[in-house]
Amino acid sequence: MTHSIGESAKKVAAPTTEIIAVSP
């Protein structure tokens, strides 16, 4: 289960990082 949560977090963190970079 922890592995699945880690993968989901990466998928969410990737787009979130782009949004933060685009919207300072």
PDB file of N, CA and C in Angstrom:
ATOM      1  N   MET A   1       0.853  -1.202   0.000  1.00  0.00           N
ATOM      2  CA  MET A   1       0.000   0.000   0.000  1.00  0.00           C
ATOM      3  C   MET A   1       0.886   1.249   0.000  1.00  0.00           C
ATOM      4  N   THR A   2       1.935   1.229   0.796  1.00  0.00           N
ATOM      5  CA  THR A   2       2.808   2.406   0.846  1.00  0.00           C
ATOM      6  C   THR A   2       3.365   2.706  -0.534  1.00  0.00           C
ATOM      7  N   HIS A   3       3.690   1.635  -1.291  1.00  0.00           N
ATOM      8  CA  HIS A   3       4.258   1.854  -2.633  1.00  0.00           C
ATOM      9  C   HIS A   3       3.235   2.558  -3.520  1.00  0.00           C
ATOM     10  N   SER A   4       1.993   2.121  -3.454  1.00  0.00           N
ATOM     11  CA  SER A   4       0.946   2.738  -4.297  1.00  0.00           C
ATOM     12  C   SER A   4       0.780   4.210  -3.919  1.00  0.00           C
ATOM     13  N   ILE A   5       0.797   4.499  -2.619  1.00  0.00           N
ATOM     14  CA  ILE A   5       0.630   5.888  -2.172  1.00  0.00           C
ATOM     15  C   ILE A   5       1.806   6.718  -2.693  1.00  0.00           C
ATOM     16  N   GLY A   6       2.999   6.147  -2.666  1.00  0.00           N
ATOM     17  CA  GLY A   6       4.182   6.862  -3.155  1.00  0.00           C
ATOM     18  C   GLY A   6       4.038   7.185  -4.633  1.00  0.00           C
ATOM     19  N   GLU A   7       3.540   6.225  -5.408  1.00  0.00           N
ATOM     20  CA  GLU A   7       3.381   6.471  -6.854  1.00  0.00           C
ATOM     21  C   GLU A   7       2.346   7.565  -7.069  1.00  0.00           C
ATOM     22  N   SER A   8       1.245   7.509  -6.344  1.00  0.00           N
ATOM     23  CA  SER A   8       0.196   8.534  -6.508  1.00  0.00           C
ATOM     24  C   SER A   8       0.764   9.900  -6.126  1.00  0.00           C
ATOM     25  N   ALA A   9       1.555   9.941  -5.067  1.00  0.00           N
ATOM     26  CA  ALA A   9       2.127  11.220  -4.625  1.00  0.00           C
ATOM     27  C   ALA A   9       3.017  11.795  -5.720  1.00  0.00           C
ATOM     28  N   LYS A  10       3.800  10.918  -6.370  1.00  0.00           N
ATOM     29  CA  LYS A  10       4.675  11.414  -7.446  1.00  0.00           C
ATOM     30  C   LYS A  10       3.835  11.977  -8.585  1.00  0.00           C
ATOM     31  N   LYS A  11       2.756  11.279  -8.926  1.00  0.00           N
ATOM     32  CA  LYS A  11       1.908  11.758 -10.032  1.00  0.00           C
ATOM     33  C   LYS A  11       1.292  13.107  -9.671  1.00  0.00           C
ATOM     34  N   VAL A  12       0.936  13.291  -8.410  1.00  0.00           N
ATOM     35  CA  VAL A  12       0.322  14.559  -7.989  1.00  0.00           C
ATOM     36  C   VAL A  12       1.403  15.631  -7.831  1.00  0.00           C
ATOM     37  N   ALA A  13       2.561  15.244  -7.334  1.00  0.00           N
ATOM     38  CA  ALA A  13       3.636  16.216  -7.101  1.00  0.00           C
ATOM     39  C   ALA A  13       4.179  16.751  -8.420  1.00  0.00           C
ATOM     40  N   ALA A  14       4.246  15.922  -9.443  1.00  0.00           N
ATOM     41  CA  ALA A  14       4.793  16.365 -10.736  1.00  0.00           C
ATOM     42  C   ALA A  14       4.005  17.554 -11.283  1.00  0.00           C
ATOM     43  N   PRO A  15       2.698  17.441 -11.513  1.00  0.00           N
ATOM     44  CA  PRO A  15       1.906  18.556 -12.031  1.00  0.00           C
ATOM     45  C   PRO A  15       1.859  19.729 -11.044  1.00  0.00           C
ATOM     46  N   THR A  16       1.846  19.422  -9.750  1.00  0.00           N
ATOM     47  CA  THR A  16       1.798  20.497  -8.750  1.00  0.00           C
ATOM     48  C   THR A  16       3.056  21.354  -8.851  1.00  0.00           C
ATOM     49  N   THR A  17       4.197  20.713  -9.048  1.00  0.00           N
ATOM     50  CA  THR A  17       5.454  21.467  -9.168  1.00  0.00           C
ATOM     51  C   THR A  17       5.393  22.388 -10.373  1.00  0.00           C
ATOM     52  N   GLU A  18       4.820  21.906 -11.473  1.00  0.00           N
ATOM     53  CA  GLU A  18       4.723  22.751 -12.681  1.00  0.00           C
ATOM     54  C   GLU A  18       3.833  23.954 -12.401  1.00  0.00           C
ATOM     55  N   ILE A  19       2.722  23.732 -11.719  1.00  0.00           N
ATOM     56  CA  ILE A  19       1.797  24.839 -11.418  1.00  0.00           C
ATOM     57  C   ILE A  19       2.504  25.882 -10.547  1.00  0.00           C
ATOM     58  N   ILE A  20       3.252  25.414  -9.546  1.00  0.00           N
ATOM     59  CA  ILE A  20       3.946  26.344  -8.647  1.00  0.00           C
ATOM     60  C   ILE A  20       4.995  27.129  -9.447  1.00  0.00           C
ATOM     61  N   ALA A  21       5.696  26.448 -10.344  1.00  0.00           N
ATOM     62  CA  ALA A  21       6.741  27.114 -11.131  1.00  0.00           C
ATOM     63  C   ALA A  21       6.116  28.155 -12.054  1.00  0.00           C
ATOM     64  N   VAL A  22       4.962  27.839 -12.610  1.00  0.00           N
ATOM     65  CA  VAL A  22       4.304  28.771 -13.540  1.00  0.00           C
ATOM     66  C   VAL A  22       3.640  29.903 -12.758  1.00  0.00           C
ATOM     67  N   SER A  23       3.091  29.579 -11.591  1.00  0.00           N
ATOM     68  CA  SER A  23       2.412  30.611 -10.786  1.00  0.00           C
ATOM     69  C   SER A  23       3.192  30.870  -9.502  1.00  0.00           C
ATOM     70  N   PRO A  24       4.140  31.774  -9.527  1.00  0.00           N
ATOM     71  CA  PRO A  24       4.953  32.048  -8.333  1.00  0.00           C
ATOM     72  C   PRO A  24       4.153  32.765  -7.253  1.00  0.00           C
TER      73      PRO A  24
END
